[in-house]
PDB file of N, CA and C in Angstrom:
ATOM      1  N   MET A   1      15.309 -10.348   8.844  1.00  0.00           N
ATOM      2  CA  MET A   1      13.974 -10.546   7.629  1.00  0.00           C
ATOM      3  C   MET A   1      13.967  -8.872   6.742  1.00  0.00           C
ATOM      4  N   HIS A   2      14.730  -9.222   5.199  1.00  0.00           N
ATOM      5  CA  HIS A   2      15.397  -7.864   4.506  1.00  0.00           C
ATOM      6  C   HIS A   2      13.935  -6.894   4.383  1.00  0.00           C
ATOM      7  N   GLU A   3      12.789  -7.392   3.770  1.00  0.00           N
ATOM      8  CA  GLU A   3      11.628  -7.046   3.794  1.00  0.00           C
ATOM      9  C   GLU A   3      10.976  -5.513   4.317  1.00  0.00           C
ATOM     10  N   MET A   4      12.054  -5.174   5.936  1.00  0.00           N
ATOM     11  CA  MET A   4      11.959  -4.397   6.795  1.00  0.00           C
ATOM     12  C   MET A   4      12.455  -3.623   6.465  1.00  0.00           C
ATOM     13  N   SER A   5      13.730  -3.697   5.753  1.00  0.00           N
ATOM     14  CA  SER A   5      14.888  -2.537   4.694  1.00  0.00           C
ATOM     15  C   SER A   5      14.032  -2.039   3.487  1.00  0.00           C
ATOM     16  N   LEU A   6      13.754  -2.971   3.315  1.00  0.00           N
ATOM     17  CA  LEU A   6      12.899  -2.537   2.037  1.00  0.00           C
ATOM     18  C   LEU A   6      12.107  -1.574   2.317  1.00  0.00           C
ATOM     19  N   CYS A   7      10.791  -1.785   2.762  1.00  0.00           N
ATOM     20  CA  CYS A   7       9.731  -0.845   3.463  1.00  0.00           C
ATOM     21  C   CYS A   7      11.024   0.771   4.259  1.00  0.00           C
ATOM     22  N   GLU A   8      11.848   0.660   4.233  1.00  0.00           N
ATOM     23  CA  GLU A   8      12.429   1.586   4.845  1.00  0.00           C
ATOM     24  C   GLU A   8      13.674   2.568   4.025  1.00  0.00           C
ATOM     25  N   SER A   9      13.493   1.389   2.985  1.00  0.00           N
ATOM     26  CA  SER A   9      14.342   1.942   1.623  1.00  0.00           C
ATOM     27  C   SER A   9      12.968   2.828   0.475  1.00  0.00           C
ATOM     28  N   ILE A  10      12.232   2.450   0.860  1.00  0.00           N
ATOM     29  CA  ILE A  10      10.925   2.807  -0.032  1.00  0.00           C
ATOM     30  C   ILE A  10      10.409   4.172   0.892  1.00  0.00           C
ATOM     31  N   LEU A  11      10.207   4.510   2.716  1.00  0.00           N
ATOM     32  CA  LEU A  11       9.828   5.233   2.560  1.00  0.00           C
ATOM     33  C   LEU A  11      11.488   6.627   2.688  1.00  0.00           C
ATOM     34  N   GLN A  12      12.751   6.047   2.400  1.00  0.00           N
ATOM     35  CA  GLN A  12      13.033   6.893   2.181  1.00  0.00           C
ATOM     36  C   GLN A  12      13.386   7.806   1.075  1.00  0.00           C
ATOM     37  N   ILE A  13      13.047   6.919  -0.266  1.00  0.00           N
ATOM     38  CA  ILE A  13      12.678   7.676  -1.676  1.00  0.00           C
ATOM     39  C   ILE A  13      11.481   8.177  -1.817  1.00  0.00           C
ATOM     40  N   VAL A  14      10.731   8.013  -0.935  1.00  0.00           N
ATOM     41  CA  VAL A  14       8.679   9.494  -0.713  1.00  0.00           C
ATOM     42  C   VAL A  14       9.210  10.613  -0.462  1.00  0.00           C
ATOM     43  N   GLU A  15      10.367  10.613   0.787  1.00  0.00           N
ATOM     44  CA  GLU A  15      10.940  10.926   1.444  1.00  0.00           C
ATOM     45  C   GLU A  15      11.327  11.768   0.478  1.00  0.00           C
ATOM     46  N   ALA A  16      12.402  11.629  -0.156  1.00  0.00           N
ATOM     47  CA  ALA A  16      13.320  12.337  -1.389  1.00  0.00           C
ATOM     48  C   ALA A  16      12.290  13.639  -1.969  1.00  0.00           C
ATOM     49  N   GLU A  17      11.901  12.248  -2.230  1.00  0.00           N
ATOM     50  CA  GLU A  17      10.271  13.073  -3.136  1.00  0.00           C
ATOM     51  C   GLU A  17      10.009  13.899  -3.231  1.00  0.00           C
ATOM     52  N   ALA A  18       9.623  13.069  -1.680  1.00  0.00           N
ATOM     53  CA  ALA A  18       8.632  15.217  -1.181  1.00  0.00           C
ATOM     54  C   ALA A  18       9.445  16.058  -0.709  1.00  0.00           C
ATOM     55  N   ALA A  19      10.996  15.730  -1.199  1.00  0.00           N
ATOM     56  CA  ALA A  19      11.288  17.117  -0.328  1.00  0.00           C
ATOM     57  C   ALA A  19      11.765  17.788  -1.765  1.00  0.00           C
ATOM     58  N   ARG A  20      11.671  17.161  -3.375  1.00  0.00           N
ATOM     59  CA  ARG A  20      12.293  17.440  -4.402  1.00  0.00           C
ATOM     60  C   ARG A  20      10.482  17.963  -5.178  1.00  0.00           C
ATOM     61  N   GLU A  21       9.327  17.471  -4.631  1.00  0.00           N
ATOM     62  CA  GLU A  21       8.400  18.157  -5.399  1.00  0.00           C
ATOM     63  C   GLU A  21       7.578  18.393  -3.955  1.00  0.00           C
ATOM     64  N   PRO A  22       7.153  19.216  -2.939  1.00  0.00           N
ATOM     65  CA  PRO A  22       7.025  19.039  -2.015  1.00  0.00           C
ATOM     66  C   PRO A  22       5.206  18.671  -2.052  1.00  0.00           C
ATOM     67  N   PHE A  23       4.677  18.139  -0.994  1.00  0.00           N
ATOM     68  CA  PHE A  23       4.128  17.059  -0.375  1.00  0.00           C
ATOM     69  C   PHE A  23       4.151  17.271   0.466  1.00  0.00           C
ATOM     70  N   MET A  24       2.916  16.717   1.948  1.00  0.00           N
ATOM     71  CA  MET A  24       2.471  17.136   3.130  1.00  0.00           C
ATOM     72  C   MET A  24       2.586  15.190   3.648  1.00  0.00           C
ATOM     73  N   ARG A  25       1.790  14.508   2.366  1.00  0.00           N
ATOM     74  CA  ARG A  25       1.409  12.535   2.660  1.00  0.00           C
ATOM     75  C   ARG A  25       1.445  11.674   1.806  1.00  0.00           C
ATOM     76  N   VAL A  26       1.349  10.802   1.984  1.00  0.00           N
ATOM     77  CA  VAL A  26       0.982   9.804   0.618  1.00  0.00           C
ATOM     78  C   VAL A  26      -0.113   9.294   0.833  1.00  0.00           C
ATOM     79  N   THR A  27      -1.455   9.287   0.086  1.00  0.00           N
ATOM     80  CA  THR A  27      -2.322   8.698   0.383  1.00  0.00           C
ATOM     81  C   THR A  27      -2.829   7.409  -0.580  1.00  0.00           C
ATOM     82  N   TRP A  28      -1.395   6.985  -1.231  1.00  0.00           N
ATOM     83  CA  TRP A  28      -1.713   5.619  -1.244  1.00  0.00           C
ATOM     84  C   TRP A  28      -0.779   5.313  -2.414  1.00  0.00           C
ATOM     85  N   LEU A  29       0.394   4.362  -2.041  1.00  0.00           N
ATOM     86  CA  LEU A  29       1.016   4.442  -2.694  1.00  0.00           C
ATOM     87  C   LEU A  29       1.373   2.429  -3.521  1.00  0.00           C
ATOM     88  N   GLN A  30       1.527   2.283  -4.409  1.00  0.00           N
ATOM     89  CA  GLN A  30       1.558   1.458  -5.144  1.00  0.00           C
ATOM     90  C   GLN A  30       2.680   0.597  -5.858  1.00  0.00           C
ATOM     91  N   LEU A  31       3.908  -0.071  -5.567  1.00  0.00           N
ATOM     92  CA  LEU A  31       4.467  -0.865  -5.550  1.00  0.00           C
ATOM     93  C   LEU A  31       3.924  -2.378  -6.737  1.00  0.00           C
ATOM     94  N   GLU A  32       5.360  -2.276  -7.372  1.00  0.00           N
ATOM     95  CA  GLU A  32       5.631  -3.662  -8.482  1.00  0.00           C
ATOM     96  C   GLU A  32       6.729  -4.624  -7.634  1.00  0.00           C
ATOM     97  N   ILE A  33       5.684  -5.435  -7.929  1.00  0.00           N
ATOM     98  CA  ILE A  33       6.788  -6.474  -6.751  1.00  0.00           C
ATOM     99  C   ILE A  33       7.016  -7.764  -7.768  1.00  0.00           C
ATOM    100  N   GLY A  34       8.024  -7.810  -9.108  1.00  0.00           N
ATOM    101  CA  GLY A  34       7.800  -8.900  -9.676  1.00  0.00           C
ATOM    102  C   GLY A  34       7.968 -10.415  -8.356  1.00  0.00           C
ATOM    103  N   ALA A  35       6.768 -11.232  -9.723  1.00  0.00           N
ATOM    104  CA  ALA A  35       7.258 -12.648  -8.380  1.00  0.00           C
ATOM    105  C   ALA A  35       8.159 -13.407  -8.414  1.00  0.00           C
ATOM    106  N   LEU A  36       8.936 -13.422  -9.311  1.00  0.00           N
ATOM    107  CA  LEU A  36      11.184 -13.611  -8.903  1.00  0.00           C
ATOM    108  C   LEU A  36      11.855 -12.488  -7.566  1.00  0.00           C
ATOM    109  N   ALA A  37      11.119 -11.446  -7.571  1.00  0.00           N
ATOM    110  CA  ALA A  37      12.238 -10.493  -6.383  1.00  0.00           C
ATOM    111  C   ALA A  37      12.702 -11.130  -5.211  1.00  0.00           C
ATOM    112  N   GLY A  38      11.931 -11.643  -4.848  1.00  0.00           N
ATOM    113  CA  GLY A  38      12.663 -12.413  -3.969  1.00  0.00           C
ATOM    114  C   GLY A  38      12.294 -11.951  -2.502  1.00  0.00           C
ATOM    115  N   VAL A  39      10.776 -11.208  -2.844  1.00  0.00           N
ATOM    116  CA  VAL A  39      10.134 -10.316  -1.433  1.00  0.00           C
ATOM    117  C   VAL A  39       9.108 -11.309  -0.858  1.00  0.00           C
ATOM    118  N   GLU A  40       8.371 -11.436  -0.087  1.00  0.00           N
ATOM    119  CA  GLU A  40       7.350 -12.181   0.480  1.00  0.00           C
ATOM    120  C   GLU A  40       6.353 -11.112   1.036  1.00  0.00           C
ATOM    121  N   ILE A  41       5.241 -10.965  -0.061  1.00  0.00           N
ATOM    122  CA  ILE A  41       4.244 -10.038   0.186  1.00  0.00           C
ATOM    123  C   ILE A  41       3.563 -10.044   1.470  1.00  0.00           C
ATOM    124  N   ASP A  42       3.630 -10.501   2.403  1.00  0.00           N
ATOM    125  CA  ASP A  42       2.974 -10.418   3.334  1.00  0.00           C
ATOM    126  C   ASP A  42       3.698  -9.619   4.455  1.00  0.00           C
ATOM    127  N   ALA A  43       5.137 -10.822   4.661  1.00  0.00           N
ATOM    128  CA  ALA A  43       5.536  -9.414   4.901  1.00  0.00           C
ATOM    129  C   ALA A  43       6.059  -8.008   4.344  1.00  0.00           C
ATOM    130  N   LEU A  44       5.812  -7.599   3.786  1.00  0.00           N
ATOM    131  CA  LEU A  44       5.975  -6.874   3.293  1.00  0.00           C
ATOM    132  C   LEU A  44       5.085  -5.939   3.626  1.00  0.00           C
ATOM    133  N   ARG A  45       3.934  -6.656   3.699  1.00  0.00           N
ATOM    134  CA  ARG A  45       2.559  -5.451   3.899  1.00  0.00           C
ATOM    135  C   ARG A  45       2.794  -5.010   5.789  1.00  0.00           C
ATOM    136  N   PHE A  46       3.247  -6.544   6.026  1.00  0.00           N
ATOM    137  CA  PHE A  46       3.330  -6.171   7.448  1.00  0.00           C
ATOM    138  C   PHE A  46       4.806  -5.203   7.956  1.00  0.00           C
ATOM    139  N   CYS A  47       5.667  -5.081   7.663  1.00  0.00           N
ATOM    140  CA  CYS A  47       6.410  -4.439   7.727  1.00  0.00           C
ATOM    141  C   CYS A  47       6.495  -2.752   7.367  1.00  0.00           C
ATOM    142  N   PHE A  48       5.549  -2.449   5.958  1.00  0.00           N
ATOM    143  CA  PHE A  48       5.051  -1.339   5.662  1.00  0.00           C
ATOM    144  C   PHE A  48       4.269  -0.838   6.939  1.00  0.00           C
ATOM    145  N   GLU A  49       3.219  -1.433   7.638  1.00  0.00           N
ATOM    146  CA  GLU A  49       2.645  -1.041   8.487  1.00  0.00           C
ATOM    147  C   GLU A  49       3.015  -0.898   9.572  1.00  0.00           C
ATOM    148  N   ALA A  50       4.738  -1.248  10.450  1.00  0.00           N
ATOM    149  CA  ALA A  50       5.725  -1.390  10.436  1.00  0.00           C
ATOM    150  C   ALA A  50       5.888   0.525  10.884  1.00  0.00           C
ATOM    151  N   VAL A  51       6.821   0.726   9.450  1.00  0.00           N
ATOM    152  CA  VAL A  51       7.582   1.573   9.111  1.00  0.00           C
ATOM    153  C   VAL A  51       5.950   3.220   9.038  1.00  0.00           C
ATOM    154  N   ALA A  52       5.255   2.586   8.611  1.00  0.00           N
ATOM    155  CA  ALA A  52       4.788   3.595   7.538  1.00  0.00           C
ATOM    156  C   ALA A  52       4.259   5.330   9.556  1.00  0.00           C
ATOM    157  N   PRO A  53       3.795   4.627  10.313  1.00  0.00           N
ATOM    158  CA  PRO A  53       3.213   5.309  11.508  1.00  0.00           C
ATOM    159  C   PRO A  53       4.281   7.196  11.399  1.00  0.00           C
ATOM    160  N   ASN A  54       3.866   7.678  11.923  1.00  0.00           N
ATOM    161  CA  ASN A  54       4.412   9.239  12.625  1.00  0.00           C
ATOM    162  C   ASN A  54       5.516   9.416  10.669  1.00  0.00           C
ATOM    163  N   THR A  55       4.449   8.953   9.773  1.00  0.00           N
ATOM    164  CA  THR A  55       6.429   9.679   8.625  1.00  0.00           C
ATOM    165  C   THR A  55       4.583   9.472   7.175  1.00  0.00           C
ATOM    166  N   ILE A  56       5.371  10.327   6.502  1.00  0.00           N
ATOM    167  CA  ILE A  56       4.843  11.242   4.926  1.00  0.00           C
ATOM    168  C   ILE A  56       3.519   9.797   5.005  1.00  0.00           C
ATOM    169  N   LEU A  57       4.375   8.604   5.170  1.00  0.00           N
ATOM    170  CA  LEU A  57       3.499   6.566   5.152  1.00  0.00           C
ATOM    171  C   LEU A  57       2.356   6.437   5.805  1.00  0.00           C
ATOM    172  N   ALA A  58       2.436   7.493   6.632  1.00  0.00           N
ATOM    173  CA  ALA A  58       0.693   7.091   7.828  1.00  0.00           C
ATOM    174  C   ALA A  58      -0.206   7.381   6.899  1.00  0.00           C
ATOM    175  N   GLY A  59      -0.656   6.153   6.857  1.00  0.00           N
ATOM    176  CA  GLY A  59      -2.118   6.539   6.662  1.00  0.00           C
ATOM    177  C   GLY A  59      -2.613   5.653   5.268  1.00  0.00           C
ATOM    178  N   ALA A  60      -1.106   6.118   4.435  1.00  0.00           N
ATOM    179  CA  ALA A  60      -1.521   5.066   3.172  1.00  0.00           C
ATOM    180  C   ALA A  60      -2.213   4.332   2.301  1.00  0.00           C
ATOM    181  N   GLU A  61      -3.089   3.681   1.479  1.00  0.00           N
ATOM    182  CA  GLU A  61      -3.175   2.332   0.929  1.00  0.00           C
ATOM    183  C   GLU A  61      -1.992   2.225   0.501  1.00  0.00           C
ATOM    184  N   LEU A  62      -2.106   1.102   0.665  1.00  0.00           N
ATOM    185  CA  LEU A  62      -0.723   0.332  -0.498  1.00  0.00           C
ATOM    186  C   LEU A  62      -1.220  -0.816  -0.885  1.00  0.00           C
ATOM    187  N   ASP A  63      -0.794  -0.546  -2.856  1.00  0.00           N
ATOM    188  CA  ASP A  63      -1.845  -1.360  -3.562  1.00  0.00           C
ATOM    189  C   ASP A  63      -0.263  -2.130  -3.788  1.00  0.00           C
ATOM    190  N   ILE A  64      -0.027  -3.326  -4.325  1.00  0.00           N
ATOM    191  CA  ILE A  64       0.828  -4.484  -4.813  1.00  0.00           C
ATOM    192  C   ILE A  64       0.439  -4.668  -6.060  1.00  0.00           C
ATOM    193  N   VAL A  65       1.830  -4.855  -7.110  1.00  0.00           N
ATOM    194  CA  VAL A  65       0.696  -5.226  -8.105  1.00  0.00           C
ATOM    195  C   VAL A  65       2.126  -6.298  -9.183  1.00  0.00           C
ATOM    196  N   GLU A  66       1.959  -7.090  -8.587  1.00  0.00           N
ATOM    197  CA  GLU A  66       2.339  -8.454  -8.793  1.00  0.00           C
ATOM    198  C   GLU A  66       2.719  -9.282 -10.658  1.00  0.00           C
ATOM    199  N   PRO A  67       3.799  -8.413 -11.207  1.00  0.00           N
ATOM    200  CA  PRO A  67       3.584  -9.184 -12.293  1.00  0.00           C
ATOM    201  C   PRO A  67       4.314 -10.520 -12.313  1.00  0.00           C
ATOM    202  N   PRO A  68       4.355 -11.511 -12.168  1.00  0.00           N
ATOM    203  CA  PRO A  68       4.504 -12.792 -13.321  1.00  0.00           C
ATOM    204  C   PRO A  68       6.428 -13.179 -13.881  1.00  0.00           C
ATOM    205  N   GLY A  69       6.932 -13.810 -13.021  1.00  0.00           N
ATOM    206  CA  GLY A  69       8.213 -14.085 -13.538  1.00  0.00           C
ATOM    207  C   GLY A  69       8.549 -14.790 -15.178  1.00  0.00           C
ATOM    208  N   GLU A  70       9.205 -13.901 -16.318  1.00  0.00           N
ATOM    209  CA  GLU A  70       9.103 -14.685 -17.373  1.00  0.00           C
ATOM    210  C   GLU A  70      10.878 -14.581 -18.094  1.00  0.00           C
ATOM    211  N   ALA A  71      11.111 -15.811 -18.949  1.00  0.00           N
ATOM    212  CA  ALA A  71      12.181 -15.804 -19.247  1.00  0.00           C
ATOM    213  C   ALA A  71      12.584 -16.079 -21.237  1.00  0.00           C
ATOM    214  N   ARG A  72      13.910 -16.474 -21.713  1.00  0.00           N
ATOM    215  CA  ARG A  72      13.216 -17.440 -22.309  1.00  0.00           C
ATOM    216  C   ARG A  72      14.507 -18.152 -22.259  1.00  0.00           C
ATOM    217  N   CYS A  73      14.189 -19.322 -23.051  1.00  0.00           N
ATOM    218  CA  CYS A  73      14.922 -20.348 -22.954  1.00  0.00           C
ATOM    219  C   CYS A  73      15.816 -20.323 -23.856  1.00  0.00           C
ATOM    220  N   VAL A  74      17.493 -20.635 -23.570  1.00  0.00           N
ATOM    221  CA  VAL A  74      18.140 -20.147 -24.381  1.00  0.00           C
ATOM    222  C   VAL A  74      18.172 -21.567 -25.655  1.00  0.00           C
ATOM    223  N   PRO A  75      17.856 -22.502 -25.501  1.00  0.00           N
ATOM    224  CA  PRO A  75      18.156 -23.965 -26.016  1.00  0.00           C
ATOM    225  C   PRO A  75      17.163 -24.052 -27.398  1.00  0.00           C
ATOM    226  N   CYS A  76      15.456 -23.638 -26.956  1.00  0.00           N
ATOM    227  CA  CYS A  76      14.751 -23.278 -27.878  1.00  0.00           C
ATOM    228  C   CYS A  76      14.092 -21.812 -28.141  1.00  0.00           C
ATOM    229  N   ASP A  77      15.022 -21.117 -27.815  1.00  0.00           N
ATOM    230  CA  ASP A  77      14.457 -19.615 -27.909  1.00  0.00           C
ATOM    231  C   ASP A  77      12.809 -19.416 -27.815  1.00  0.00           C
ATOM    232  N   LYS A  78      12.412 -19.585 -26.593  1.00  0.00           N
ATOM    233  CA  LYS A  78      11.267 -19.495 -26.735  1.00  0.00           C
ATOM    234  C   LYS A  78      10.667 -18.963 -25.034  1.00  0.00           C
ATOM    235  N   THR A  79       9.825 -18.033 -25.092  1.00  0.00           N
ATOM    236  CA  THR A  79       9.970 -17.302 -24.111  1.00  0.00           C
ATOM    237  C   THR A  79       8.154 -17.604 -23.546  1.00  0.00           C
ATOM    238  N   VAL A  80       8.825 -18.310 -21.309  1.00  0.00           N
ATOM    239  CA  VAL A  80       8.676 -18.741 -20.930  1.00  0.00           C
ATOM    240  C   VAL A  80       7.809 -17.935 -19.643  1.00  0.00           C
ATOM    241  N   LEU A  81       6.892 -18.232 -18.909  1.00  0.00           N
ATOM    242  CA  LEU A  81       6.668 -17.476 -18.299  1.00  0.00           C
ATOM    243  C   LEU A  81       6.946 -18.595 -16.345  1.00  0.00           C
ATOM    244  N   LEU A  82       7.690 -17.947 -15.631  1.00  0.00           N
ATOM    245  CA  LEU A  82       8.048 -18.646 -14.791  1.00  0.00           C
ATOM    246  C   LEU A  82       7.304 -19.072 -13.271  1.00  0.00           C
ATOM    247  N   THR A  83       8.129 -19.390 -12.172  1.00  0.00           N
ATOM    248  CA  THR A  83       7.476 -18.944 -10.855  1.00  0.00           C
ATOM    249  C   THR A  83       8.372 -19.603  -9.966  1.00  0.00           C
ATOM    250  N   ASP A  84       9.447 -19.729 -10.463  1.00  0.00           N
ATOM    251  CA  ASP A  84      10.449 -19.725  -9.356  1.00  0.00           C
ATOM    252  C   ASP A  84      11.822 -19.687 -10.243  1.00  0.00           C
ATOM    253  N   ARG A  85      13.195 -19.038 -10.427  1.00  0.00           N
ATOM    254  CA  ARG A  85      14.179 -19.098 -11.046  1.00  0.00           C
ATOM    255  C   ARG A  85      14.689 -20.447 -11.596  1.00  0.00           C
ATOM    256  N   TYR A  86      13.919 -21.338 -10.915  1.00  0.00           N
ATOM    257  CA  TYR A  86      15.072 -22.821 -10.779  1.00  0.00           C
ATOM    258  C   TYR A  86      14.039 -24.138 -12.188  1.00  0.00           C
ATOM    259  N   SER A  87      13.051 -22.922 -11.999  1.00  0.00           N
ATOM    260  CA  SER A  87      12.164 -23.418 -13.148  1.00  0.00           C
ATOM    261  C   SER A  87      12.887 -24.791 -14.551  1.00  0.00           C
ATOM    262  N   CYS A  88      12.711 -25.418 -14.862  1.00  0.00           N
ATOM    263  CA  CYS A  88      13.543 -25.745 -16.545  1.00  0.00           C
ATOM    264  C   CYS A  88      11.504 -25.375 -17.646  1.00  0.00           C
ATOM    265  N   CYS A  89      12.524 -25.251 -18.790  1.00  0.00           N
ATOM    266  CA  CYS A  89      11.599 -24.626 -20.332  1.00  0.00           C
ATOM    267  C   CYS A  89      10.330 -25.547 -20.069  1.00  0.00           C
ATOM    268  N   PRO A  90       9.102 -25.813 -20.125  1.00  0.00           N
ATOM    269  CA  PRO A  90       7.738 -25.921 -20.306  1.00  0.00           C
ATOM    270  C   PRO A  90       8.039 -26.591 -21.727  1.00  0.00           C
ATOM    271  N   HIS A  91       8.959 -26.069 -22.529  1.00  0.00           N
ATOM    272  CA  HIS A  91       8.436 -26.302 -23.786  1.00  0.00           C
ATOM    273  C   HIS A  91       9.424 -27.627 -24.095  1.00  0.00           C
ATOM    274  N   CYS A  92      10.782 -27.985 -23.918  1.00  0.00           N
ATOM    275  CA  CYS A  92      11.708 -28.548 -24.267  1.00  0.00           C
ATOM    276  C   CYS A  92      12.689 -29.135 -22.521  1.00  0.00           C
ATOM    277  N   GLY A  93      12.203 -28.825 -21.677  1.00  0.00           N
ATOM    278  CA  GLY A  93      12.716 -29.331 -20.521  1.00  0.00           C
ATOM    279  C   GLY A  93      14.152 -29.103 -20.326  1.00  0.00           C
ATOM    280  N   ALA A  94      14.752 -27.803 -20.825  1.00  0.00           N
ATOM    281  CA  ALA A  94      16.071 -27.003 -20.997  1.00  0.00           C
ATOM    282  C   ALA A  94      16.035 -26.260 -19.761  1.00  0.00           C
ATOM    283  N   TYR A  95      17.161 -26.759 -18.809  1.00  0.00           N
ATOM    284  CA  TYR A  95      17.690 -25.439 -17.732  1.00  0.00           C
ATOM    285  C   TYR A  95      17.805 -24.026 -18.314  1.00  0.00           C
ATOM    286  N   GLY A  96      18.688 -23.924 -19.164  1.00  0.00           N
ATOM    287  CA  GLY A  96      19.158 -22.812 -19.919  1.00  0.00           C
ATOM    288  C   GLY A  96      18.019 -21.417 -20.198  1.00  0.00           C
ATOM    289  N   LEU A  97      17.620 -21.267 -18.452  1.00  0.00           N
ATOM    290  CA  LEU A  97      16.652 -20.355 -19.266  1.00  0.00           C
ATOM    291  C   LEU A  97      17.247 -18.674 -18.108  1.00  0.00           C
ATOM    292  N   GLN A  98      16.609 -17.539 -18.764  1.00  0.00           N
ATOM    293  CA  GLN A  98      17.665 -16.128 -19.123  1.00  0.00           C
ATOM    294  C   GLN A  98      16.625 -15.650 -18.677  1.00  0.00           C
ATOM    295  N   VAL A  99      15.839 -14.982 -16.884  1.00  0.00           N
ATOM    296  CA  VAL A  99      15.427 -13.783 -17.063  1.00  0.00           C
ATOM    297  C   VAL A  99      14.587 -12.947 -17.515  1.00  0.00           C
ATOM    298  N   THR A 100      14.231 -12.558 -18.090  1.00  0.00           N
ATOM    299  CA  THR A 100      13.557 -11.346 -18.803  1.00  0.00           C
ATOM    300  C   THR A 100      12.573 -10.664 -18.066  1.00  0.00           C
ATOM    301  N   GLY A 101      12.007 -10.912 -17.307  1.00  0.00           N
ATOM    302  CA  GLY A 101      10.869 -10.025 -16.085  1.00  0.00           C
ATOM    303  C   GLY A 101      10.070 -10.666 -15.050  1.00  0.00           C
ATOM    304  N   GLY A 102      10.102  -9.868 -14.251  1.00  0.00           N
ATOM    305  CA  GLY A 102       9.495 -10.404 -13.058  1.00  0.00           C
ATOM    306  C   GLY A 102      10.436 -10.186 -12.121  1.00  0.00           C
ATOM    307  N   ASP A 103      11.809  -9.626 -12.239  1.00  0.00           N
ATOM    308  CA  ASP A 103      12.402  -9.669 -11.152  1.00  0.00           C
ATOM    309  C   ASP A 103      12.750  -8.678 -10.240  1.00  0.00           C
ATOM    310  N   GLN A 104      12.030  -7.678 -10.814  1.00  0.00           N
ATOM    311  CA  GLN A 104      11.818  -5.601  -9.723  1.00  0.00           C
ATOM    312  C   GLN A 104      11.424  -5.374  -9.478  1.00  0.00           C
ATOM    313  N   MET A 105      11.843  -4.390  -8.332  1.00  0.00           N
ATOM    314  CA  MET A 105      11.045  -4.192  -7.475  1.00  0.00           C
ATOM    315  C   MET A 105      11.035  -2.224  -7.966  1.00  0.00           C
ATOM    316  N   ARG A 106       9.593  -1.744  -7.551  1.00  0.00           N
ATOM    317  CA  ARG A 106      10.613  -0.466  -7.652  1.00  0.00           C
ATOM    318  C   ARG A 106       8.679  -0.108  -7.087  1.00  0.00           C
ATOM    319  N   ILE A 107       8.388   1.522  -6.990  1.00  0.00           N
ATOM    320  CA  ILE A 107       7.380   2.010  -6.557  1.00  0.00           C
ATOM    321  C   ILE A 107       7.188   3.043  -8.704  1.00  0.00           C
ATOM    322  N   LYS A 108       5.586   2.225  -8.620  1.00  0.00           N
ATOM    323  CA  LYS A 108       4.800   2.347  -9.832  1.00  0.00           C
ATOM    324  C   LYS A 108       4.118   3.385 -10.091  1.00  0.00           C
ATOM    325  N   ALA A 109       3.284   4.180  -8.494  1.00  0.00           N
ATOM    326  CA  ALA A 109       2.695   4.878  -8.796  1.00  0.00           C
ATOM    327  C   ALA A 109       2.370   5.441  -7.400  1.00  0.00           C
ATOM    328  N   MET A 110       2.141   6.706  -6.534  1.00  0.00           N
ATOM    329  CA  MET A 110       1.635   7.741  -5.469  1.00  0.00           C
ATOM    330  C   MET A 110       0.836   8.598  -5.542  1.00  0.00           C
ATOM    331  N   GLU A 111      -0.606   8.235  -4.965  1.00  0.00           N
ATOM    332  CA  GLU A 111      -0.743   9.646  -4.578  1.00  0.00           C
ATOM    333  C   GLU A 111      -0.581  10.269  -3.730  1.00  0.00           C
ATOM    334  N   VAL A 112      -0.784  11.781  -3.652  1.00  0.00           N
ATOM    335  CA  VAL A 112      -0.277  12.542  -2.682  1.00  0.00           C
ATOM    336  C   VAL A 112      -1.113  13.736  -2.168  1.00  0.00           C
ATOM    337  N   GLU A 113      -1.287  14.114  -0.860  1.00  0.00           N
ATOM    338  CA  GLU A 113      -1.618  15.480  -0.689  1.00  0.00           C
ATOM    339  C   GLU A 113      -0.794  16.706  -0.762  1.00  0.00           C
TER     340      GLU A 113
END
């Protein structure tokens, strides 16, 4: 389950930020996880709850924003929304899609004390 290692990486990033800009704990953490990022959101929430106790993330509210997948169709040059990487273009039926968004995972914002 790679969601556990993702949560451990999130903790490391937050701890590094706390060392740079001193704060004691995170009260709210917002993640942006695109629909094409390959992350199972429920599993990530479960892993976050497992990683957070006794850390700077203990008790933090986790807010996840899920932007849709987006791509440009090379054959017809239209921008389309995607639910998975292997969809065809809804306009022309081609499979020549280049992902342009919705594949990212990042810490978008956090509130700290």
